Amino acid sequence: LVFFVSYSMHVIFNSFNRSDLIKAGEASVRSTPIDSLRYNNEEAIRDYSCLVSLYLHHGMPVRAEYTLRKLVKVRAENPNFGPNHAETILFLGLLYRSLKSQHKFKKAAQVRERISRAERCQRSDDDSDLFGLCSKDQCKAIDFVVDMIVDPSRKERKEEQDKAFKVEQSRKYWLEVRRSFFG
């Protein structure tokens, strides 16, 4: 089914020519000009993201670069995302690809360095968050470890109980079906 859907989408998109797809993408963002894009307009950000993908796929990195710079800025300013968020890093990666395809290697190197810094910050933030969660036992890790020490076969026993319950439910259902057929 997945292959069929994928193949169908491939056939559909190949039936459109490049300019039709890009015109449709540009029409979808026409109501929100890129210069007036704000971080709280998620729908427009998604539309611009798709448009950038079309630009890059069809060999228009100059158009993609301008839009990506704005998307990176908007995501970095968003208090829910910030400069080290995975989506911001994704947009930076696309910007890097766009700059590289335009042979703007110096700017691409700067963007690559920014990606590296953001990924380092993201990793260090993840480590401190995990430490904070476990030190306060918000993730119930200590309870889990204690349960495993006190009752190491608890998980297996629960799985067996669940299986026995399902078998019993199935048996009851089968008896009802059998009674309805044979009276």
C-alpha atoms as a PDB file:
ATOM      1  CA  LEU A   1       0.000   0.000   0.000  1.00  0.00           C
ATOM      2  CA  VAL A   2       2.792   2.427   0.897  1.00  0.00           C
ATOM      3  CA  PHE A   3       4.577   1.666  -2.371  1.00  0.00           C
ATOM      4  CA  PHE A   4       1.353   2.180  -4.303  1.00  0.00           C
ATOM      5  CA  VAL A   5       0.645   5.526  -2.639  1.00  0.00           C
ATOM      6  CA  SER A   6       4.249   6.598  -3.133  1.00  0.00           C
ATOM      7  CA  TYR A   7       4.157   5.545  -6.777  1.00  0.00           C
ATOM      8  CA  SER A   8       0.806   7.260  -7.280  1.00  0.00           C
ATOM      9  CA  MET A   9       2.141  10.507  -5.814  1.00  0.00           C
ATOM     10  CA  HIS A  10       5.213  10.187  -8.052  1.00  0.00           C
ATOM     11  CA  VAL A  11       2.988   9.797 -11.121  1.00  0.00           C
ATOM     12  CA  ILE A  12       0.776  12.717 -10.065  1.00  0.00           C
ATOM     13  CA  PHE A  13       3.689  15.060  -9.430  1.00  0.00           C
ATOM     14  CA  ASN A  14       5.438  14.041 -12.630  1.00  0.00           C
ATOM     15  CA  SER A  15       2.293  14.886 -14.588  1.00  0.00           C
ATOM     16  CA  PHE A  16       2.708  18.507 -13.474  1.00  0.00           C
ATOM     17  CA  ASN A  17       5.536  20.484 -14.919  1.00  0.00           C
ATOM     18  CA  ARG A  18       7.969  22.423 -12.785  1.00  0.00           C
ATOM     19  CA  SER A  19       6.355  25.796 -13.239  1.00  0.00           C
ATOM     20  CA  ASP A  20       2.888  24.481 -12.295  1.00  0.00           C
ATOM     21  CA  LEU A  21       4.121  23.164  -8.961  1.00  0.00           C
ATOM     22  CA  ILE A  22       6.054  26.298  -8.154  1.00  0.00           C
ATOM     23  CA  LYS A  23       3.140  28.525  -9.176  1.00  0.00           C
ATOM     24  CA  ALA A  24       0.851  26.519  -6.895  1.00  0.00           C
ATOM     25  CA  GLY A  25       3.352  26.831  -4.049  1.00  0.00           C
ATOM     26  CA  GLU A  26       3.752  30.552  -4.554  1.00  0.00           C
ATOM     27  CA  ALA A  27      -0.021  30.967  -4.716  1.00  0.00           C
ATOM     28  CA  SER A  28      -0.364  29.226  -1.352  1.00  0.00           C
ATOM     29  CA  VAL A  29       1.931  31.779   0.328  1.00  0.00           C
ATOM     30  CA  ARG A  30       0.711  34.855  -1.512  1.00  0.00           C
ATOM     31  CA  SER A  31      -1.547  35.899   1.363  1.00  0.00           C
ATOM     32  CA  THR A  32       1.476  36.159   3.709  1.00  0.00           C
ATOM     33  CA  PRO A  33       4.464  37.925   2.156  1.00  0.00           C
ATOM     34  CA  ILE A  34       7.796  36.586   3.387  1.00  0.00           C
ATOM     35  CA  ASP A  35       8.768  39.941   4.897  1.00  0.00           C
ATOM     36  CA  SER A  36       5.649  39.984   7.080  1.00  0.00           C
ATOM     37  CA  LEU A  37       6.094  36.401   8.272  1.00  0.00           C
ATOM     38  CA  ARG A  38       5.979  36.068  12.074  1.00  0.00           C
ATOM     39  CA  TYR A  39       6.799  33.143  14.332  1.00  0.00           C
ATOM     40  CA  ASN A  40       3.184  32.587  15.378  1.00  0.00           C
ATOM     41  CA  ASN A  41       1.983  31.931  11.809  1.00  0.00           C
ATOM     42  CA  GLU A  42       2.640  28.171  11.660  1.00  0.00           C
ATOM     43  CA  GLU A  43       0.587  27.533   8.537  1.00  0.00           C
ATOM     44  CA  ALA A  44       2.522  30.084   6.486  1.00  0.00           C
ATOM     45  CA  ILE A  45       5.824  28.740   7.828  1.00  0.00           C
ATOM     46  CA  ARG A  46       4.861  25.227   6.683  1.00  0.00           C
ATOM     47  CA  ASP A  47       3.792  26.566   3.280  1.00  0.00           C
ATOM     48  CA  TYR A  48       7.079  28.445   2.852  1.00  0.00           C
ATOM     49  CA  SER A  49       8.956  25.332   3.935  1.00  0.00           C
ATOM     50  CA  CYS A  50       7.263  23.318   1.189  1.00  0.00           C
ATOM     51  CA  LEU A  51       7.945  26.066  -1.331  1.00  0.00           C
ATOM     52  CA  VAL A  52      11.632  26.038  -0.388  1.00  0.00           C
ATOM     53  CA  SER A  53      11.717  22.292  -0.978  1.00  0.00           C
ATOM     54  CA  LEU A  54      10.248  22.829  -4.436  1.00  0.00           C
ATOM     55  CA  TYR A  55      12.804  25.538  -5.184  1.00  0.00           C
ATOM     56  CA  LEU A  56      15.682  23.309  -4.131  1.00  0.00           C
ATOM     57  CA  HIS A  57      14.342  20.261  -5.945  1.00  0.00           C
ATOM     58  CA  HIS A  58      13.889  22.170  -9.180  1.00  0.00           C
ATOM     59  CA  GLY A  59      17.272  23.907  -9.085  1.00  0.00           C
ATOM     60  CA  MET A  60      16.364  27.388  -7.884  1.00  0.00           C
ATOM     61  CA  PRO A  61      18.712  27.878  -4.921  1.00  0.00           C
ATOM     62  CA  VAL A  62      18.684  31.693  -5.112  1.00  0.00           C
ATOM     63  CA  ARG A  63      14.958  31.821  -4.400  1.00  0.00           C
ATOM     64  CA  ALA A  64      15.350  29.168  -1.717  1.00  0.00           C
ATOM     65  CA  GLU A  65      18.175  31.078  -0.015  1.00  0.00           C
ATOM     66  CA  TYR A  66      16.153  34.235   0.571  1.00  0.00           C
ATOM     67  CA  THR A  67      13.177  32.338   1.951  1.00  0.00           C
ATOM     68  CA  LEU A  68      15.344  30.079   4.100  1.00  0.00           C
ATOM     69  CA  ARG A  69      17.141  33.024   5.689  1.00  0.00           C
ATOM     70  CA  LYS A  70      13.777  34.415   6.740  1.00  0.00           C
ATOM     71  CA  LEU A  71      12.548  31.012   7.986  1.00  0.00           C
ATOM     72  CA  VAL A  72      15.702  30.551  10.073  1.00  0.00           C
ATOM     73  CA  LYS A  73      15.266  34.021  11.556  1.00  0.00           C
ATOM     74  CA  VAL A  74      11.592  33.407  12.362  1.00  0.00           C
ATOM     75  CA  ARG A  75      12.279  30.023  13.984  1.00  0.00           C
ATOM     76  CA  ALA A  76      15.227  31.375  15.974  1.00  0.00           C
ATOM     77  CA  GLU A  77      13.061  34.221  17.348  1.00  0.00           C
ATOM     78  CA  ASN A  78      10.243  31.875  18.362  1.00  0.00           C
ATOM     79  CA  PRO A  79      10.326  31.257  22.138  1.00  0.00           C
ATOM     80  CA  ASN A  80       8.965  27.718  21.590  1.00  0.00           C
ATOM     81  CA  PHE A  81      11.667  26.815  19.053  1.00  0.00           C
ATOM     82  CA  GLY A  82      14.778  28.973  19.358  1.00  0.00           C
ATOM     83  CA  PRO A  83      18.097  28.848  17.512  1.00  0.00           C
ATOM     84  CA  ASN A  84      18.988  25.316  18.682  1.00  0.00           C
ATOM     85  CA  HIS A  85      15.703  23.595  17.847  1.00  0.00           C
ATOM     86  CA  ALA A  86      15.731  20.681  15.401  1.00  0.00           C
ATOM     87  CA  GLU A  87      13.532  22.528  12.889  1.00  0.00           C
ATOM     88  CA  THR A  88      15.797  25.579  12.961  1.00  0.00           C
ATOM     89  CA  ILE A  89      18.770  23.287  12.347  1.00  0.00           C
ATOM     90  CA  LEU A  90      16.854  21.637   9.495  1.00  0.00           C
ATOM     91  CA  PHE A  91      16.299  25.019   7.839  1.00  0.00           C
ATOM     92  CA  LEU A  92      19.971  25.874   8.370  1.00  0.00           C
ATOM     93  CA  GLY A  93      20.919  22.612   6.655  1.00  0.00           C
ATOM     94  CA  LEU A  94      18.760  23.490   3.672  1.00  0.00           C
ATOM     95  CA  LEU A  95      20.307  26.964   3.602  1.00  0.00           C
ATOM     96  CA  TYR A  96      23.758  25.365   3.631  1.00  0.00           C
ATOM     97  CA  ARG A  97      22.748  23.172   0.680  1.00  0.00           C
ATOM     98  CA  SER A  98      21.382  26.177  -1.177  1.00  0.00           C
ATOM     99  CA  LEU A  99      24.530  28.248  -0.639  1.00  0.00           C
ATOM    100  CA  LYS A 100      26.771  25.379  -1.648  1.00  0.00           C
ATOM    101  CA  SER A 101      24.871  24.841  -4.890  1.00  0.00           C
ATOM    102  CA  GLN A 102      25.374  28.544  -5.679  1.00  0.00           C
ATOM    103  CA  HIS A 103      29.133  28.163  -5.019  1.00  0.00           C
ATOM    104  CA  LYS A 104      28.954  30.561  -2.058  1.00  0.00           C
ATOM    105  CA  PHE A 105      31.383  28.442  -0.090  1.00  0.00           C
ATOM    106  CA  LYS A 106      32.436  31.087   2.450  1.00  0.00           C
ATOM    107  CA  LYS A 107      28.831  31.773   3.482  1.00  0.00           C
ATOM    108  CA  ALA A 108      28.107  28.037   3.423  1.00  0.00           C
ATOM    109  CA  ALA A 109      31.014  27.430   5.811  1.00  0.00           C
ATOM    110  CA  GLN A 110      29.607  30.057   8.188  1.00  0.00           C
ATOM    111  CA  VAL A 111      26.205  28.380   8.101  1.00  0.00           C
ATOM    112  CA  ARG A 112      27.830  24.975   8.654  1.00  0.00           C
ATOM    113  CA  GLU A 113      29.613  26.347  11.729  1.00  0.00           C
ATOM    114  CA  ARG A 114      26.315  27.731  13.009  1.00  0.00           C
ATOM    115  CA  ILE A 115      24.745  24.289  12.534  1.00  0.00           C
ATOM    116  CA  SER A 116      27.585  22.673  14.467  1.00  0.00           C
ATOM    117  CA  ARG A 117      27.220  25.157  17.334  1.00  0.00           C
ATOM    118  CA  ALA A 118      23.458  24.632  17.459  1.00  0.00           C
ATOM    119  CA  GLU A 119      23.863  20.842  17.477  1.00  0.00           C
ATOM    120  CA  ARG A 120      26.443  21.044  20.275  1.00  0.00           C
ATOM    121  CA  CYS A 121      24.117  23.267  22.310  1.00  0.00           C
ATOM    122  CA  GLN A 122      21.231  20.936  21.589  1.00  0.00           C
ATOM    123  CA  ARG A 123      23.216  17.922  22.843  1.00  0.00           C
ATOM    124  CA  SER A 124      24.345  19.735  25.992  1.00  0.00           C
ATOM    125  CA  ASP A 125      20.778  20.908  26.666  1.00  0.00           C
ATOM    126  CA  ASP A 126      19.491  17.345  26.280  1.00  0.00           C
ATOM    127  CA  ASP A 127      22.036  16.021  28.778  1.00  0.00           C
ATOM    128  CA  SER A 128      21.194  18.632  31.401  1.00  0.00           C
ATOM    129  CA  ASP A 129      17.453  18.076  30.915  1.00  0.00           C
ATOM    130  CA  LEU A 130      17.853  14.330  31.365  1.00  0.00           C
ATOM    131  CA  PHE A 131      19.941  14.851  34.491  1.00  0.00           C
ATOM    132  CA  GLY A 132      17.345  17.275  35.847  1.00  0.00           C
ATOM    133  CA  LEU A 133      14.480  14.887  35.180  1.00  0.00           C
ATOM    134  CA  CYS A 134      16.183  11.922  36.786  1.00  0.00           C
ATOM    135  CA  SER A 135      17.549  13.866  39.750  1.00  0.00           C
ATOM    136  CA  LYS A 136      14.029  15.055  40.561  1.00  0.00           C
ATOM    137  CA  ASP A 137      12.701  11.605  39.577  1.00  0.00           C
ATOM    138  CA  GLN A 138      10.101  13.163  37.288  1.00  0.00           C
ATOM    139  CA  CYS A 139      10.539  10.299  34.847  1.00  0.00           C
ATOM    140  CA  LYS A 140      10.019   7.725  37.643  1.00  0.00           C
ATOM    141  CA  ALA A 141      13.350   6.087  36.831  1.00  0.00           C
ATOM    142  CA  ILE A 142      14.143   5.388  40.483  1.00  0.00           C
ATOM    143  CA  ASP A 143      10.785   3.658  40.997  1.00  0.00           C
ATOM    144  CA  PHE A 144      11.402   1.548  37.910  1.00  0.00           C
ATOM    145  CA  VAL A 145      14.873   0.487  39.093  1.00  0.00           C
ATOM    146  CA  VAL A 146      13.598  -0.352  42.585  1.00  0.00           C
ATOM    147  CA  ASP A 147      10.723  -2.376  41.110  1.00  0.00           C
ATOM    148  CA  MET A 148      13.148  -4.300  38.912  1.00  0.00           C
ATOM    149  CA  ILE A 149      15.377  -5.094  41.907  1.00  0.00           C
ATOM    150  CA  VAL A 150      12.507  -6.128  44.176  1.00  0.00           C
ATOM    151  CA  ASP A 151      10.496  -7.993  41.509  1.00  0.00           C
ATOM    152  CA  PRO A 152      12.648  -8.723  38.437  1.00  0.00           C
ATOM    153  CA  SER A 153      10.017 -10.842  36.661  1.00  0.00           C
ATOM    154  CA  ARG A 154       7.232  -8.289  37.020  1.00  0.00           C
ATOM    155  CA  LYS A 155       7.249  -7.374  33.338  1.00  0.00           C
ATOM    156  CA  GLU A 156       7.066 -10.998  32.172  1.00  0.00           C
ATOM    157  CA  ARG A 157       4.296 -11.773  34.669  1.00  0.00           C
ATOM    158  CA  LYS A 158       2.282  -8.773  33.461  1.00  0.00           C
ATOM    159  CA  GLU A 159       2.695  -9.883  29.843  1.00  0.00           C
ATOM    160  CA  GLU A 160       1.487 -13.384  30.768  1.00  0.00           C
ATOM    161  CA  GLN A 161      -1.523 -11.945  32.602  1.00  0.00           C
ATOM    162  CA  ASP A 162      -2.390  -9.767  29.613  1.00  0.00           C
ATOM    163  CA  LYS A 163      -2.094 -12.746  27.282  1.00  0.00           C
ATOM    164  CA  ALA A 164      -4.269 -14.905  29.560  1.00  0.00           C
ATOM    165  CA  PHE A 165      -6.881 -12.146  29.707  1.00  0.00           C
ATOM    166  CA  LYS A 166      -6.947 -11.866  25.904  1.00  0.00           C
ATOM    167  CA  VAL A 167      -7.258 -15.643  25.536  1.00  0.00           C
ATOM    168  CA  GLU A 168     -10.148 -15.691  28.006  1.00  0.00           C
ATOM    169  CA  GLN A 169     -11.876 -12.829  26.148  1.00  0.00           C
ATOM    170  CA  SER A 170     -11.399 -14.673  22.874  1.00  0.00           C
ATOM    171  CA  ARG A 171     -12.786 -17.904  24.370  1.00  0.00           C
ATOM    172  CA  LYS A 172     -15.885 -16.085  25.682  1.00  0.00           C
ATOM    173  CA  TYR A 173     -16.460 -14.488  22.296  1.00  0.00           C
ATOM    174  CA  TRP A 174     -16.087 -17.860  20.550  1.00  0.00           C
ATOM    175  CA  LEU A 175     -18.614 -19.452  22.931  1.00  0.00           C
ATOM    176  CA  GLU A 176     -21.121 -16.676  22.162  1.00  0.00           C
ATOM    177  CA  VAL A 177     -20.638 -17.129  18.417  1.00  0.00           C
ATOM    178  CA  ARG A 178     -20.946 -20.913  18.719  1.00  0.00           C
ATOM    179  CA  ARG A 179     -24.174 -20.573  20.758  1.00  0.00           C
ATOM    180  CA  SER A 180     -25.648 -18.185  18.194  1.00  0.00           C
ATOM    181  CA  PHE A 181     -24.998 -20.695  15.368  1.00  0.00           C
ATOM    182  CA  PHE A 182     -25.829 -23.944  17.130  1.00  0.00           C
ATOM    183  CA  GLY A 183     -28.338 -22.735  19.653  1.00  0.00           C
END
